[in-house]
Amino acid sequence: MSTLRELKPRTYSYTGINVTAEYRGRRYLLTHCNDYFSAERVACDYQAMFPNACYFTSSKYDSTHIDGKAKDFRKHYKGEREREARTGDRGAIRDKRKRAGFTPGPWKVMNYDYIRGTIFSVAVAIDLPGQDEKEKQANARLIASAPELFAQCKLFEGLLETLQKEKGAHELCSDYEVESYKQVNEQLAQLRELLANVDGGDEG
């Protein structure tokens, strides 16, 4: 349809904040706000009404493609939900695997030290005695990468489980195979302990 840059109101300065929603591969511009506080309130209201979409607040008006505005989003969302109710198709928008309780990614570093989720600020990298600015920024980048690192650990867990099953399915003939099997079991146990700490001990 258009881009964020083309849809920016002329009455807004460079500090204007846009609220967008992403649903089923389409991006919608919901509204413009004067500040992040107002934008986040709008995003929260939409999330309460339309929980299966992702919401973003940003001061950037760039070449991001926009497929429609708020009324188009509501129409698309309602239509998809009605279709799913008729067909019983829930798998397209719902991951049936248990999800960790933290704020979903992606997280981004804002102003060098604030880490924001799709709607709220989730953390801040603080200044410590003797710490330079580069170290603080590196800490912020590491924190912002947490959801992606968690997802990669979950993938690695699956690979270790597959390897464990394959090695345990046949007779271990050599000392090397026995030691290798032990290492896989130890690595898998350590990884599961780490993931359980992130999940609050609820990982099954």
Protein backbone atom coordinates (compact mmCIF):
# COMPACT_ATOMS: atom_id res chain seq x y z
CA MET A 1 0.00 0.00 0.00
CA SER A 2 2.62 2.55 1.10
CA THR A 3 5.55 3.15 3.45
CA LEU A 4 5.90 4.69 6.90
CA ARG A 5 7.83 7.61 5.42
CA GLU A 6 5.00 8.41 3.02
CA LEU A 7 2.37 8.16 5.75
CA LYS A 8 4.08 10.44 8.27
CA PRO A 9 1.78 13.40 9.06
CA ARG A 10 3.26 16.74 8.14
CA THR A 11 2.14 18.17 11.48
CA TYR A 12 4.47 15.82 13.37
CA SER A 13 8.08 16.63 14.13
CA TYR A 14 10.92 14.10 14.08
CA THR A 15 9.88 13.05 17.60
CA GLY A 16 6.52 11.68 16.43
CA ILE A 17 5.89 8.05 17.43
CA ASN A 18 4.09 5.56 15.22
CA VAL A 19 2.25 2.47 16.43
CA THR A 20 2.18 -0.48 14.04
CA ALA A 21 0.80 -4.01 14.17
CA GLU A 22 2.05 -7.11 12.38
CA TYR A 23 -0.34 -9.96 11.70
CA ARG A 24 -0.03 -12.89 9.33
CA GLY A 25 2.86 -11.31 7.43
CA ARG A 26 1.19 -7.91 6.99
CA ARG A 27 2.14 -4.62 8.66
CA TYR A 28 -0.48 -2.03 9.60
CA LEU A 29 -0.12 1.57 10.78
CA LEU A 30 -2.50 1.99 13.72
CA THR A 31 -1.89 5.60 14.73
CA HIS A 32 0.63 8.37 15.47
CA CYS A 33 1.42 9.73 18.95
CA ASN A 34 3.43 12.60 20.38
CA ASP A 35 5.38 10.46 22.88
CA TYR A 36 6.25 6.85 23.74
CA PHE A 37 3.98 6.79 26.80
CA SER A 38 0.89 7.49 24.70
CA ALA A 39 2.06 5.09 21.99
CA GLU A 40 2.56 2.28 24.48
CA ARG A 41 -0.90 2.81 25.93
CA VAL A 42 -2.39 2.49 22.46
CA ALA A 43 -0.35 -0.65 21.80
CA CYS A 44 -1.49 -2.16 25.12
CA ASP A 45 -5.13 -1.43 24.33
CA TYR A 46 -4.81 -3.12 20.95
CA GLN A 47 -2.98 -6.08 22.46
CA ALA A 48 -5.84 -6.60 24.91
CA MET A 49 -8.38 -6.62 22.08
CA PHE A 50 -6.30 -8.42 19.44
CA PRO A 51 -3.81 -10.61 21.37
CA ASN A 52 -2.51 -12.71 18.47
CA ALA A 53 -0.81 -9.83 16.65
CA CYS A 54 2.58 -8.21 17.37
CA TYR A 55 2.79 -4.50 18.12
CA PHE A 56 5.62 -2.01 17.67
CA THR A 57 6.24 1.59 18.65
CA SER A 58 8.95 3.59 16.92
CA SER A 59 10.07 7.14 16.15
CA LYS A 60 11.43 6.04 12.77
CA TYR A 61 9.50 6.82 9.63
CA ASP A 62 11.39 4.81 7.07
CA SER A 63 10.74 2.59 4.04
CA THR A 64 8.92 -0.11 6.04
CA HIS A 65 6.07 -1.38 3.88
CA ILE A 66 2.58 -0.72 5.24
CA ASP A 67 -0.32 -2.88 4.03
CA GLY A 68 -3.09 -0.83 5.59
CA LYS A 69 -4.30 1.27 8.49
CA ALA A 70 -6.17 0.51 11.72
CA LYS A 71 -9.50 -0.33 10.10
CA ASP A 72 -7.76 -2.67 7.63
CA PHE A 73 -6.01 -4.42 10.50
CA ARG A 74 -9.23 -4.94 12.45
CA LYS A 75 -10.99 -6.27 9.37
CA HIS A 76 -8.15 -8.67 8.54
CA TYR A 77 -7.85 -9.87 12.13
CA LYS A 78 -11.58 -10.47 12.51
CA GLY A 79 -11.77 -12.28 9.17
CA GLU A 80 -8.91 -14.62 10.02
CA ARG A 81 -10.32 -15.43 13.44
CA GLU A 82 -13.73 -16.22 11.96
CA ARG A 83 -12.10 -18.45 9.36
CA GLU A 84 -10.17 -20.30 12.04
CA ALA A 85 -13.35 -20.80 14.08
CA ARG A 86 -15.03 -22.36 11.04
CA THR A 87 -12.14 -24.60 10.02
CA GLY A 88 -10.65 -25.33 13.43
CA ASP A 89 -7.26 -24.13 12.15
CA ARG A 90 -5.32 -22.84 15.17
CA GLY A 91 -1.85 -23.99 14.26
CA ALA A 92 -1.14 -21.08 11.92
CA ILE A 93 -1.04 -18.49 14.68
CA ARG A 94 -0.45 -20.48 17.85
CA ASP A 95 2.71 -22.31 18.81
CA LYS A 96 1.48 -25.34 20.72
CA ARG A 97 4.81 -25.76 22.46
CA LYS A 98 5.05 -24.24 25.90
CA ARG A 99 6.52 -20.74 25.75
CA ALA A 100 8.70 -19.16 28.39
CA GLY A 101 7.10 -16.48 30.55
CA PHE A 102 9.40 -13.59 29.58
CA THR A 103 8.43 -10.75 27.24
CA PRO A 104 8.55 -12.10 23.66
CA GLY A 105 11.26 -10.79 21.36
CA PRO A 106 12.58 -9.11 19.46
CA TRP A 107 14.23 -6.79 21.98
CA LYS A 108 16.06 -3.67 20.85
CA VAL A 109 18.56 -1.29 22.43
CA MET A 110 17.23 2.27 22.59
CA ASN A 111 19.39 5.30 23.42
CA TYR A 112 22.41 3.03 24.06
CA ASP A 113 21.17 1.57 27.36
CA TYR A 114 17.39 0.98 27.44
CA ILE A 115 16.22 -2.42 26.19
CA ARG A 116 12.70 -2.44 24.75
CA GLY A 117 10.42 -5.31 23.85
CA THR A 118 7.71 -5.00 21.21
CA ILE A 119 5.78 -2.66 23.52
CA PHE A 120 7.45 -2.01 26.90
CA SER A 121 10.96 -1.30 28.13
CA VAL A 122 12.15 -4.57 29.70
CA ALA A 123 15.57 -3.65 31.13
CA VAL A 124 18.25 -1.02 31.39
CA ALA A 125 22.04 -1.37 31.43
CA ILE A 126 23.18 0.65 34.44
CA ASP A 127 26.44 2.46 35.06
CA LEU A 128 28.80 0.74 37.49
CA PRO A 129 31.88 2.19 39.19
CA GLY A 130 34.89 1.89 36.91
CA GLN A 131 32.79 0.84 33.92
CA ASP A 132 33.25 2.65 30.63
CA GLU A 133 30.52 3.52 28.14
CA LYS A 134 31.54 0.82 25.67
CA GLU A 135 31.14 -1.89 28.30
CA LYS A 136 27.67 -0.62 29.24
CA GLN A 137 26.60 -0.60 25.60
CA ALA A 138 27.97 -4.13 25.15
CA ASN A 139 25.93 -5.24 28.18
CA ALA A 140 22.83 -3.69 26.65
CA ARG A 141 23.39 -5.52 23.35
CA LEU A 142 23.85 -8.81 25.20
CA ILE A 143 20.63 -8.33 27.16
CA ALA A 144 18.73 -7.41 24.00
CA SER A 145 19.89 -10.65 22.38
CA ALA A 146 18.44 -12.78 25.19
CA PRO A 147 15.22 -13.92 23.42
CA GLU A 148 17.15 -14.97 20.30
CA LEU A 149 19.79 -16.75 22.38
CA PHE A 150 17.04 -18.57 24.27
CA ALA A 151 15.45 -19.68 20.98
CA GLN A 152 18.79 -20.97 19.71
CA CYS A 153 19.32 -22.89 22.96
CA LYS A 154 15.92 -24.52 22.49
CA LEU A 155 16.96 -25.61 18.99
CA PHE A 156 20.24 -26.96 20.35
CA GLU A 157 18.31 -28.86 23.02
CA GLY A 158 16.34 -30.58 20.26
CA LEU A 159 19.53 -31.50 18.41
CA LEU A 160 21.07 -32.98 21.57
CA GLU A 161 17.90 -34.97 22.24
CA THR A 162 18.04 -36.40 18.72
CA LEU A 163 21.73 -37.25 19.12
CA GLN A 164 21.04 -38.85 22.49
CA LYS A 165 18.35 -41.08 21.00
CA GLU A 166 20.51 -42.06 18.04
CA LYS A 167 23.48 -42.99 20.22
CA GLY A 168 21.29 -44.84 22.68
CA ALA A 169 19.56 -46.83 19.94
CA HIS A 170 22.55 -49.05 19.15
CA GLU A 171 25.20 -50.87 21.15
CA LEU A 172 28.16 -48.72 22.17
CA CYS A 173 31.14 -50.78 21.10
CA SER A 174 34.12 -48.58 21.88
CA ASP A 175 35.34 -46.45 24.76
CA TYR A 176 35.05 -43.42 22.46
CA GLU A 177 31.34 -44.09 21.82
CA VAL A 178 30.68 -44.58 25.52
CA GLU A 179 32.48 -41.33 26.42
CA SER A 180 30.74 -39.46 23.61
CA TYR A 181 27.33 -40.66 24.81
CA LYS A 182 28.16 -39.51 28.35
CA GLN A 183 29.16 -36.06 27.07
CA VAL A 184 25.88 -35.69 25.16
CA ASN A 185 23.92 -36.61 28.29
CA GLU A 186 25.90 -34.16 30.41
CA GLN A 187 25.53 -31.31 27.90
CA LEU A 188 21.81 -31.96 27.57
CA ALA A 189 21.36 -31.99 31.37
CA GLN A 190 23.29 -28.70 31.73
CA LEU A 191 21.30 -27.06 28.95
CA ARG A 192 17.98 -28.20 30.42
CA GLU A 193 19.01 -26.78 33.80
CA LEU A 194 19.84 -23.44 32.17
CA LEU A 195 16.54 -23.32 30.28
CA ALA A 196 14.62 -24.27 33.40
CA ASN A 197 16.19 -21.31 35.22
CA VAL A 198 14.94 -18.99 32.45
CA ASP A 199 11.49 -20.58 32.48
CA GLY A 200 11.23 -20.33 36.25
CA GLY A 201 11.44 -24.06 36.73
CA ASP A 202 8.28 -24.77 34.72
CA GLU A 203 9.90 -26.35 31.70
CA GLY A 204 8.58 -29.89 31.19
